[in-house]
Amino acid sequence: MANAREIQNRIKSIQDTRKITNAMYLISSTKLKKSKKLLEDTEPYFYTLQSLIRRILRHMGDTEHPYFNARKEIKDLLAYLKTVDNGKDDLAVRRIINVPKRGIGLTTIGRVQDYATEREISFYEAILAAGSVPGIGRALGKIESFAALIEHFKAEGERMSVAELMDEIIDATGYVEELQADSDEEAESRLENIEELRNKIVAYEESCEAEDEKSTLSGFLEQVALVADIDSLDEETDYVVLMTLHSAKGLEFPHVYLAGLEDGIFPSYMTITADDPAELEEERRLCYVGITRAKENLTLTCARRRMVHGETQYNKMSRFLKEIPLSLLSTGALFKKEQTEEEPKVSAYRQAKQAFATKAFAATKPAQQFTVTKGKGPGYDVGDRVRHIKFGEGLVTQITEGGRDYEVTVDFDTAGTKKMFAIFAKLQKID
């Protein structure tokens, strides 16, 4: 048994080890911060170079150089994800049915396709019914094995994240092992491309988590499809291209249209009412990105009223528009005052909905509109004490008049400062 001196020596050794570990941690974190800073500094140059390469490729036509070819491994793995998400994507299923090689030849694939065409079903549905395909022969077992593999991925995808599903596909198919066994010089770069694809998936999941949204396989594939469409954009073709502000980074267009510049739309209602001002700044930066994509003409639009989730909204002009100097703006035709004050008509759908909801022989009531009456507040003023059903009691510090409602700022006793619309908050004044 160790004596007191030996125990003290062991304690000192552990303490010394802890000091060394802490020092190594500080050094590593410093290097990581430095690398992160260098990465952020290179981001503008990356987007510029990316845009230049895209422009060059649009005017080069077809080229056989491997540097400019689409990455096969990325398309293969995305085809697996598309098949798991939607088996009706025939192109995706046909692409991976023999990738990696399973001994399923073109003749067999052709017979399955003929069977699907005759019965007007998808290619994957024909695979699931491969036993009924005439002339399938010895390939039946291989096709059934492929179908079982896809069904396994579908079942796993319901409980796994997108990144975990990607790892499962790579492991179960042996895709990476086949590349590693290949003596081709490009095998290493292909492996790096696969790792980059996985990094993109992880980045997508992290962005969803940051925005308090659920990451889904369909959502990731939609994001990929949007980026792919933008990458293949032909500037010589005369049509309108729709894209998100995030995907527009690094691109430029002669004519740019930004729609929905209204408070509650852009910036969103959640951003306006959020406690963190950084969220509003992020949307302001996004607006700047969209504005700076235009090379010749920029059109910014907002609506007097719009239908959102079955409800007619009357939002005020976006605060981002008001921040632009008037000297830089050219407005369109102005409407007469009486037109702007005209009571909006109730749509036929809303009239029919109200009619079915009304009891027989009951007196009809005019449809209520969410409007702000001049001189009539929400029932309380700045300085009044109010009560909220969730946040408790608080003091009203600010009331801002909007197009359809009042934006109220309340300093709650326990929940802190909150911004909310009066019609949704349903605050009760405390006498």
Protein backbone atom coordinates (compact mmCIF):
# COMPACT_ATOMS: atom_id res chain seq x y z
CA MET A 1 0.00 0.00 0.00
CA ALA A 2 1.33 3.45 -0.92
CA ASN A 3 2.46 5.70 1.90
CA ALA A 4 1.64 9.40 2.30
CA ARG A 5 4.72 10.56 0.40
CA GLU A 6 3.92 8.39 -2.63
CA ILE A 7 0.33 9.66 -2.65
CA GLN A 8 1.55 13.26 -2.56
CA ASN A 9 3.92 12.58 -5.47
CA ARG A 10 1.08 11.07 -7.50
CA ILE A 11 -1.16 14.07 -6.77
CA LYS A 12 1.63 16.42 -7.86
CA SER A 13 2.13 14.40 -11.04
CA ILE A 14 -1.59 14.64 -11.86
CA GLN A 15 -1.54 18.38 -11.20
CA ASP A 16 1.48 18.82 -13.49
CA THR A 17 -0.26 16.80 -16.19
CA ARG A 18 -3.35 18.98 -15.84
CA LYS A 19 -1.26 22.13 -16.26
CA ILE A 20 0.35 20.73 -19.39
CA THR A 21 -3.08 19.75 -20.76
CA ASN A 22 -4.47 23.24 -20.12
CA ALA A 23 -1.47 24.82 -21.83
CA MET A 24 -1.91 22.54 -24.86
CA TYR A 25 -5.60 23.46 -24.96
CA LEU A 26 -4.80 27.17 -24.97
CA ILE A 27 -2.29 26.72 -27.78
CA SER A 28 -4.73 24.63 -29.84
CA SER A 29 -7.64 27.03 -29.34
CA THR A 30 -5.41 29.96 -30.34
CA LYS A 31 -4.39 28.19 -33.53
CA LEU A 32 -8.02 27.31 -34.24
CA LYS A 33 -9.13 30.93 -33.82
CA LYS A 34 -6.32 32.05 -36.11
CA SER A 35 -7.30 29.52 -38.77
CA LYS A 36 -10.94 30.54 -38.49
CA LYS A 37 -9.97 34.19 -38.96
CA LEU A 38 -7.92 33.32 -42.06
CA LEU A 39 -10.86 31.36 -43.47
CA GLU A 40 -13.24 34.29 -42.95
CA ASP A 41 -10.76 36.64 -44.62
CA THR A 42 -10.56 34.43 -47.72
CA GLU A 43 -14.34 34.07 -48.12
CA PRO A 44 -14.82 37.17 -50.35
CA TYR A 45 -12.03 36.02 -52.65
CA PHE A 46 -13.54 32.55 -52.81
CA TYR A 47 -16.94 33.83 -53.95
CA THR A 48 -15.32 36.12 -56.51
CA LEU A 49 -13.22 33.30 -57.95
CA GLN A 50 -16.24 31.00 -57.96
CA SER A 51 -18.24 33.55 -59.94
CA LEU A 52 -15.41 34.03 -62.46
CA ILE A 53 -15.04 30.28 -63.02
CA ARG A 54 -18.80 29.98 -63.61
CA ARG A 55 -18.68 32.74 -66.23
CA ILE A 56 -15.73 31.10 -67.97
CA LEU A 57 -17.42 27.72 -68.11
CA ARG A 58 -20.59 29.17 -69.66
CA HIS A 59 -18.58 30.28 -72.71
CA MET A 60 -16.27 27.27 -73.04
CA GLY A 61 -18.76 24.70 -74.21
CA ASP A 62 -17.97 21.04 -73.62
CA THR A 63 -14.55 20.17 -72.31
CA GLU A 64 -13.06 16.82 -71.40
CA HIS A 65 -10.62 18.02 -68.80
CA PRO A 66 -11.29 16.25 -65.45
CA TYR A 67 -11.11 19.56 -63.61
CA PHE A 68 -14.25 20.79 -65.33
CA ASN A 69 -16.18 17.51 -65.33
CA ALA A 70 -19.07 16.97 -62.94
CA ARG A 71 -17.97 14.93 -59.96
CA LYS A 72 -19.33 11.41 -60.46
CA GLU A 73 -19.07 10.37 -56.82
CA ILE A 74 -21.17 13.35 -55.71
CA LYS A 75 -23.88 12.55 -58.24
CA ASP A 76 -23.85 8.88 -57.20
CA LEU A 77 -24.30 9.57 -53.49
CA LEU A 78 -26.91 12.27 -54.12
CA ALA A 79 -28.77 9.75 -56.29
CA TYR A 80 -28.86 7.38 -53.31
CA LEU A 81 -30.29 10.14 -51.13
CA LYS A 82 -32.87 11.04 -53.81
CA THR A 83 -33.92 7.39 -54.11
CA VAL A 84 -34.36 7.09 -50.35
CA ASP A 85 -36.34 10.33 -50.24
CA ASN A 86 -38.40 9.74 -53.37
CA GLY A 87 -38.38 6.41 -55.16
CA LYS A 88 -40.23 7.94 -58.12
CA ASP A 89 -37.05 9.67 -59.33
CA ASP A 90 -36.32 7.19 -62.12
CA LEU A 91 -33.06 8.85 -63.19
CA ALA A 92 -31.62 8.58 -59.68
CA VAL A 93 -32.65 4.92 -59.29
CA ARG A 94 -31.27 3.93 -62.69
CA ARG A 95 -28.00 5.67 -61.89
CA ILE A 96 -27.27 3.69 -58.73
CA ILE A 97 -28.84 0.30 -59.44
CA ASN A 98 -25.40 -1.00 -60.42
CA VAL A 99 -23.21 1.44 -58.45
CA PRO A 100 -21.06 0.03 -56.97
CA LYS A 101 -21.14 -2.87 -59.42
CA ARG A 102 -23.67 -5.56 -58.50
CA GLY A 103 -23.75 -7.54 -61.72
CA ILE A 104 -26.95 -5.93 -62.99
CA GLY A 105 -26.48 -5.39 -66.72
CA LEU A 106 -28.10 -3.04 -69.20
CA THR A 107 -30.31 -5.82 -70.61
CA THR A 108 -31.85 -6.45 -67.20
CA ILE A 109 -32.32 -2.72 -66.59
CA GLY A 110 -34.00 -2.40 -69.98
CA ARG A 111 -36.47 -5.20 -69.18
CA VAL A 112 -37.34 -3.60 -65.83
CA GLN A 113 -37.86 -0.26 -67.59
CA ASP A 114 -40.13 -1.87 -70.21
CA TYR A 115 -42.17 -3.48 -67.44
CA ALA A 116 -42.53 -0.12 -65.69
CA THR A 117 -43.51 1.67 -68.90
CA GLU A 118 -46.16 -0.91 -69.83
CA ARG A 119 -47.83 -0.67 -66.43
CA GLU A 120 -47.29 3.10 -66.03
CA ILE A 121 -45.42 2.75 -62.74
CA SER A 122 -42.09 4.11 -61.56
CA PHE A 123 -38.81 2.30 -62.18
CA TYR A 124 -38.39 1.62 -58.47
CA GLU A 125 -41.91 0.19 -58.19
CA ALA A 126 -40.97 -2.19 -61.00
CA ILE A 127 -37.84 -3.18 -59.05
CA LEU A 128 -39.98 -4.03 -56.02
CA ALA A 129 -42.05 -6.28 -58.29
CA ALA A 130 -39.00 -7.75 -60.07
CA GLY A 131 -40.34 -11.29 -59.62
CA SER A 132 -43.08 -10.47 -62.13
CA VAL A 133 -40.73 -9.02 -64.77
CA PRO A 134 -40.46 -11.47 -67.68
CA GLY A 135 -37.01 -12.69 -68.70
CA ILE A 136 -35.27 -11.36 -65.57
CA GLY A 137 -33.57 -14.72 -64.99
CA ARG A 138 -30.60 -14.94 -62.65
CA ALA A 139 -30.53 -11.20 -62.04
CA LEU A 140 -33.66 -11.48 -59.85
CA GLY A 141 -31.68 -12.12 -56.68
CA LYS A 142 -29.37 -9.15 -57.34
CA ILE A 143 -32.28 -6.79 -57.96
CA GLU A 144 -34.10 -8.00 -54.85
CA SER A 145 -30.90 -7.44 -52.85
CA PHE A 146 -30.70 -3.86 -54.18
CA ALA A 147 -34.37 -3.25 -53.30
CA ALA A 148 -33.82 -4.60 -49.78
CA LEU A 149 -30.84 -2.26 -49.37
CA ILE A 150 -32.88 0.80 -50.37
CA GLU A 151 -35.75 -0.21 -48.08
CA HIS A 152 -33.20 -0.55 -45.27
CA PHE A 153 -31.99 3.01 -45.95
CA LYS A 154 -35.58 4.27 -45.96
CA ALA A 155 -36.23 2.70 -42.55
CA GLU A 156 -32.96 4.03 -41.11
CA GLY A 157 -33.58 7.48 -42.56
CA GLU A 158 -36.69 7.91 -40.41
CA ARG A 159 -34.63 7.80 -37.21
CA MET A 160 -31.23 9.05 -38.42
CA SER A 161 -30.01 12.52 -39.24
CA VAL A 162 -29.05 13.27 -42.85
CA ALA A 163 -25.33 13.01 -42.01
CA GLU A 164 -25.82 9.67 -40.25
CA LEU A 165 -27.83 8.37 -43.21
CA MET A 166 -25.05 9.43 -45.57
CA ASP A 167 -22.51 7.51 -43.47
CA GLU A 168 -24.77 4.47 -43.46
CA ILE A 169 -25.09 4.56 -47.26
CA ILE A 170 -21.32 4.85 -47.71
CA ASP A 171 -20.64 1.95 -45.33
CA ALA A 172 -23.41 -0.39 -46.50
CA THR A 173 -22.72 0.05 -50.23
CA GLY A 174 -18.95 -0.18 -49.93
CA TYR A 175 -18.59 2.90 -52.13
CA VAL A 176 -15.49 4.22 -50.36
CA GLU A 177 -13.86 0.78 -50.23
CA GLU A 178 -14.19 0.51 -54.00
CA LEU A 179 -12.53 3.90 -54.46
CA GLN A 180 -9.74 3.00 -52.04
CA ALA A 181 -9.06 -0.20 -53.98
CA ASP A 182 -8.80 1.80 -57.20
CA SER A 183 -5.25 2.63 -58.24
CA ASP A 184 -6.44 5.65 -60.22
CA GLU A 185 -4.64 8.89 -59.35
CA GLU A 186 -8.01 10.62 -58.99
CA ALA A 187 -9.20 8.23 -56.27
CA GLU A 188 -7.81 10.41 -53.49
CA SER A 189 -9.47 13.56 -54.82
CA ARG A 190 -12.76 11.67 -55.16
CA LEU A 191 -12.53 10.65 -51.51
CA GLU A 192 -11.94 14.29 -50.62
CA ASN A 193 -15.06 15.24 -52.61
CA ILE A 194 -17.12 12.72 -50.63
CA GLU A 195 -15.83 14.20 -47.39
CA GLU A 196 -16.72 17.68 -48.66
CA LEU A 197 -20.27 16.49 -49.43
CA ARG A 198 -20.58 15.21 -45.89
CA ASN A 199 -19.32 18.55 -44.58
CA LYS A 200 -22.04 20.30 -46.60
CA ILE A 201 -24.66 18.04 -45.00
CA VAL A 202 -23.35 18.83 -41.51
CA ALA A 203 -23.32 22.55 -42.34
CA TYR A 204 -26.94 22.31 -43.50
CA GLU A 205 -27.96 20.61 -40.25
CA GLU A 206 -26.12 23.21 -38.17
CA SER A 207 -27.81 26.06 -40.06
CA CYS A 208 -31.21 24.47 -39.43
CA GLU A 209 -30.40 24.12 -35.74
CA ALA A 210 -29.29 27.75 -35.55
CA GLU A 211 -32.59 28.87 -37.12
CA ASP A 212 -34.59 26.52 -34.85
CA GLU A 213 -35.74 24.49 -37.84
CA LYS A 214 -35.86 20.73 -38.33
CA SER A 215 -33.28 19.35 -40.75
CA THR A 216 -34.75 16.87 -43.22
CA LEU A 217 -33.50 14.86 -46.16
CA SER A 218 -36.01 16.60 -48.44
CA GLY A 219 -34.84 20.01 -47.23
CA PHE A 220 -31.20 19.22 -47.93
CA LEU A 221 -31.99 17.89 -51.41
CA GLU A 222 -34.05 21.01 -52.17
CA GLN A 223 -31.08 23.17 -51.18
CA VAL A 224 -28.76 21.09 -53.37
CA ALA A 225 -31.17 21.25 -56.31
CA LEU A 226 -31.42 25.03 -56.05
CA VAL A 227 -27.66 25.45 -56.03
CA ALA A 228 -27.32 23.04 -58.95
CA ASP A 229 -29.87 25.00 -60.98
CA ILE A 230 -28.00 28.23 -60.34
CA ASP A 231 -24.68 26.64 -61.27
CA SER A 232 -26.10 25.53 -64.63
CA LEU A 233 -27.66 28.90 -65.37
CA ASP A 234 -27.33 30.00 -68.99
CA GLU A 235 -27.16 33.79 -69.19
CA GLU A 236 -28.02 33.71 -72.90
CA THR A 237 -31.46 32.21 -72.23
CA ASP A 238 -34.29 34.70 -71.79
CA TYR A 239 -36.19 33.61 -68.68
CA VAL A 240 -36.63 34.59 -65.04
CA VAL A 241 -34.58 32.77 -62.39
CA LEU A 242 -35.92 32.45 -58.85
CA MET A 243 -33.45 31.96 -56.01
CA THR A 244 -32.94 32.62 -52.33
CA LEU A 245 -30.75 35.45 -51.10
CA HIS A 246 -28.31 32.93 -49.62
CA SER A 247 -27.78 31.20 -52.95
CA ALA A 248 -27.32 34.54 -54.74
CA LYS A 249 -24.00 35.21 -52.97
CA GLY A 250 -21.17 35.63 -55.44
CA LEU A 251 -23.51 36.07 -58.45
CA GLU A 252 -24.46 39.12 -60.51
CA PHE A 253 -27.34 39.80 -62.90
CA PRO A 254 -28.30 42.68 -65.18
CA HIS A 255 -31.78 42.91 -63.65
CA VAL A 256 -32.67 41.98 -60.07
CA TYR A 257 -36.12 42.00 -58.43
CA LEU A 258 -36.58 41.79 -54.64
CA ALA A 259 -40.19 41.09 -53.67
CA GLY A 260 -41.96 41.14 -50.32
CA LEU A 261 -40.09 44.04 -48.74
CA GLU A 262 -42.57 44.49 -45.90
CA ASP A 263 -42.20 44.34 -42.12
CA GLY A 264 -43.34 40.87 -41.14
CA ILE A 265 -42.12 39.39 -44.43
CA PHE A 266 -38.62 40.80 -44.83
CA PRO A 267 -37.60 41.27 -42.10
CA SER A 268 -39.74 38.48 -40.75
CA TYR A 269 -42.12 38.81 -37.84
CA MET A 270 -39.93 36.51 -35.69
CA THR A 271 -36.89 38.67 -36.37
CA ILE A 272 -38.70 41.91 -35.53
CA THR A 273 -39.98 40.58 -32.22
CA ALA A 274 -36.75 38.78 -31.27
CA ASP A 275 -34.76 39.94 -28.28
CA ASP A 276 -31.42 39.56 -30.08
CA PRO A 277 -30.68 42.56 -32.37
CA ALA A 278 -28.11 40.41 -34.21
CA GLU A 279 -30.97 38.58 -35.95
CA LEU A 280 -32.23 41.81 -37.49
CA GLU A 281 -28.68 42.71 -38.52
CA GLU A 282 -28.34 39.34 -40.27
CA GLU A 283 -31.46 39.98 -42.36
CA ARG A 284 -30.20 43.51 -43.09
CA ARG A 285 -26.98 41.98 -44.45
CA LEU A 286 -29.03 39.58 -46.56
CA CYS A 287 -30.95 42.51 -47.98
CA TYR A 288 -27.64 44.18 -48.84
CA VAL A 289 -26.52 40.99 -50.61
CA GLY A 290 -29.67 41.01 -52.75
CA ILE A 291 -29.34 44.70 -53.60
CA THR A 292 -25.71 44.39 -54.66
CA ARG A 293 -26.44 41.51 -57.09
CA ALA A 294 -27.82 43.99 -59.66
CA LYS A 295 -25.48 45.29 -62.37
CA GLU A 296 -27.92 47.55 -64.27
CA ASN A 297 -31.43 47.69 -62.80
CA LEU A 298 -32.76 46.94 -59.32
CA THR A 299 -36.48 46.74 -58.54
CA LEU A 300 -37.72 46.62 -54.94
CA THR A 301 -41.39 45.83 -54.37
CA CYS A 302 -43.83 45.71 -51.47
CA ALA A 303 -47.57 45.04 -51.34
CA ARG A 304 -50.33 47.09 -49.73
CA ARG A 305 -52.00 43.84 -48.75
CA ARG A 306 -51.27 40.18 -49.25
CA MET A 307 -52.83 36.86 -48.34
CA VAL A 308 -50.71 34.88 -45.85
CA HIS A 309 -51.96 31.56 -44.48
CA GLY A 310 -55.52 32.40 -45.49
CA GLU A 311 -55.44 35.82 -43.79
CA THR A 312 -55.26 39.20 -45.46
CA GLN A 313 -52.39 41.21 -43.99
CA TYR A 314 -51.72 44.95 -44.23
CA ASN A 315 -48.03 45.29 -43.44
CA LYS A 316 -46.10 48.52 -43.51
CA MET A 317 -43.17 49.08 -45.83
CA SER A 318 -39.98 47.28 -44.83
CA ARG A 319 -37.67 49.25 -42.57
CA PHE A 320 -34.86 48.25 -44.93
CA LEU A 321 -36.48 50.32 -47.69
CA LYS A 322 -36.81 53.33 -45.38
CA GLU A 323 -33.09 53.13 -44.61
CA ILE A 324 -32.21 53.76 -48.28
CA PRO A 325 -31.70 57.50 -49.05
CA LEU A 326 -34.55 58.91 -51.12
CA SER A 327 -32.06 60.40 -53.55
CA LEU A 328 -31.13 56.85 -54.62
CA LEU A 329 -34.72 55.73 -55.22
CA SER A 330 -37.00 56.17 -58.20
CA THR A 331 -40.62 55.39 -57.28
CA GLY A 332 -43.33 54.31 -59.64
CA ALA A 333 -46.70 55.90 -60.29
CA LEU A 334 -48.46 57.25 -57.19
CA PHE A 335 -52.04 56.29 -56.45
CA LYS A 336 -54.77 58.70 -55.43
CA LYS A 337 -55.44 59.10 -51.76
CA GLU A 338 -58.98 57.85 -52.04
CA GLN A 339 -57.72 54.64 -53.61
CA THR A 340 -55.38 53.93 -50.73
CA GLU A 341 -58.12 54.49 -48.19
CA GLU A 342 -60.67 52.35 -50.01
CA GLU A 343 -62.01 49.50 -47.90
CA PRO A 344 -60.66 46.22 -49.32
CA LYS A 345 -63.19 43.88 -50.81
CA VAL A 346 -63.81 40.51 -49.23
CA SER A 347 -62.82 37.67 -51.56
CA ALA A 348 -65.35 35.15 -52.83
CA TYR A 349 -63.56 32.40 -50.92
CA ARG A 350 -63.76 34.31 -47.65
CA GLN A 351 -67.46 35.10 -48.28
CA ALA A 352 -68.20 31.43 -48.91
CA LYS A 353 -66.24 30.41 -45.79
CA GLN A 354 -68.18 32.88 -43.67
CA ALA A 355 -71.47 31.73 -45.16
CA PHE A 356 -70.88 28.08 -44.23
CA ALA A 357 -69.74 29.09 -40.73
CA THR A 358 -72.89 31.18 -40.10
CA LYS A 359 -75.83 29.49 -38.38
CA ALA A 360 -79.18 29.39 -40.15
CA PHE A 361 -81.33 32.54 -39.77
CA ALA A 362 -78.51 34.27 -37.88
CA ALA A 363 -77.86 37.91 -38.52
CA THR A 364 -74.90 38.46 -40.80
CA LYS A 365 -71.94 40.52 -39.63
CA PRO A 366 -69.47 42.36 -41.81
CA ALA A 367 -66.04 40.79 -42.06
CA GLN A 368 -63.55 42.28 -39.63
CA GLN A 369 -60.40 43.83 -41.00
CA PHE A 370 -57.20 44.27 -39.06
CA THR A 371 -56.70 47.99 -39.35
CA VAL A 372 -55.43 50.70 -37.04
CA THR A 373 -57.87 53.48 -36.25
CA LYS A 374 -56.23 56.86 -35.86
CA GLY A 375 -56.36 58.11 -32.32
CA LYS A 376 -57.56 54.79 -30.92
CA GLY A 377 -54.84 52.83 -29.17
CA PRO A 378 -54.66 49.21 -28.05
CA GLY A 379 -56.35 50.02 -24.70
CA TYR A 380 -53.21 50.96 -22.77
CA ASP A 381 -50.48 53.56 -23.06
CA VAL A 382 -46.75 53.86 -22.44
CA GLY A 383 -46.13 53.67 -18.70
CA ASP A 384 -49.12 51.41 -17.97
CA ARG A 385 -48.81 48.08 -16.21
CA VAL A 386 -50.11 45.13 -18.24
CA ARG A 387 -50.46 41.38 -17.81
CA HIS A 388 -49.54 38.66 -20.38
CA ILE A 389 -50.88 35.11 -20.17
CA LYS A 390 -47.35 33.64 -20.44
CA PHE A 391 -44.85 36.34 -19.40
CA GLY A 392 -46.81 37.71 -16.45
CA GLU A 393 -46.86 41.39 -15.46
CA GLY A 394 -44.74 44.14 -16.98
CA LEU A 395 -44.42 47.81 -17.89
CA VAL A 396 -45.25 49.16 -21.38
CA THR A 397 -42.18 51.08 -22.58
CA GLN A 398 -43.03 51.73 -26.25
CA ILE A 399 -45.98 51.57 -28.64
CA THR A 400 -45.32 51.81 -32.40
CA GLU A 401 -48.20 52.26 -34.83
CA GLY A 402 -48.12 49.82 -37.76
CA GLY A 403 -50.18 49.23 -40.87
CA ARG A 404 -52.41 46.55 -39.38
CA ASP A 405 -51.56 46.55 -35.71
CA TYR A 406 -49.58 48.13 -32.89
CA GLU A 407 -46.08 46.90 -32.06
CA VAL A 408 -45.81 46.94 -28.27
CA THR A 409 -42.59 46.75 -26.22
CA VAL A 410 -43.06 45.49 -22.66
CA ASP A 411 -40.47 45.19 -19.88
CA PHE A 412 -41.75 42.14 -17.98
CA ASP A 413 -40.83 41.63 -14.34
CA THR A 414 -39.51 38.09 -14.84
CA ALA A 415 -39.29 37.44 -18.60
CA GLY A 416 -37.32 40.56 -19.60
CA THR A 417 -38.11 42.91 -22.51
CA LYS A 418 -40.39 41.56 -25.26
CA LYS A 419 -41.72 43.01 -28.52
CA MET A 420 -45.06 41.81 -29.80
CA PHE A 421 -48.10 42.77 -31.86
CA ALA A 422 -51.03 43.89 -29.74
CA ILE A 423 -53.60 41.72 -31.52
CA PHE A 424 -51.63 38.56 -30.73
CA ALA A 425 -50.29 39.56 -27.32
CA LYS A 426 -53.78 40.23 -25.85
CA LEU A 427 -52.32 42.29 -23.03
CA GLN A 428 -54.62 43.27 -20.16
CA LYS A 429 -54.16 46.63 -18.46
CA ILE A 430 -53.69 46.45 -14.72
CA ASP A 431 -55.61 49.20 -12.92
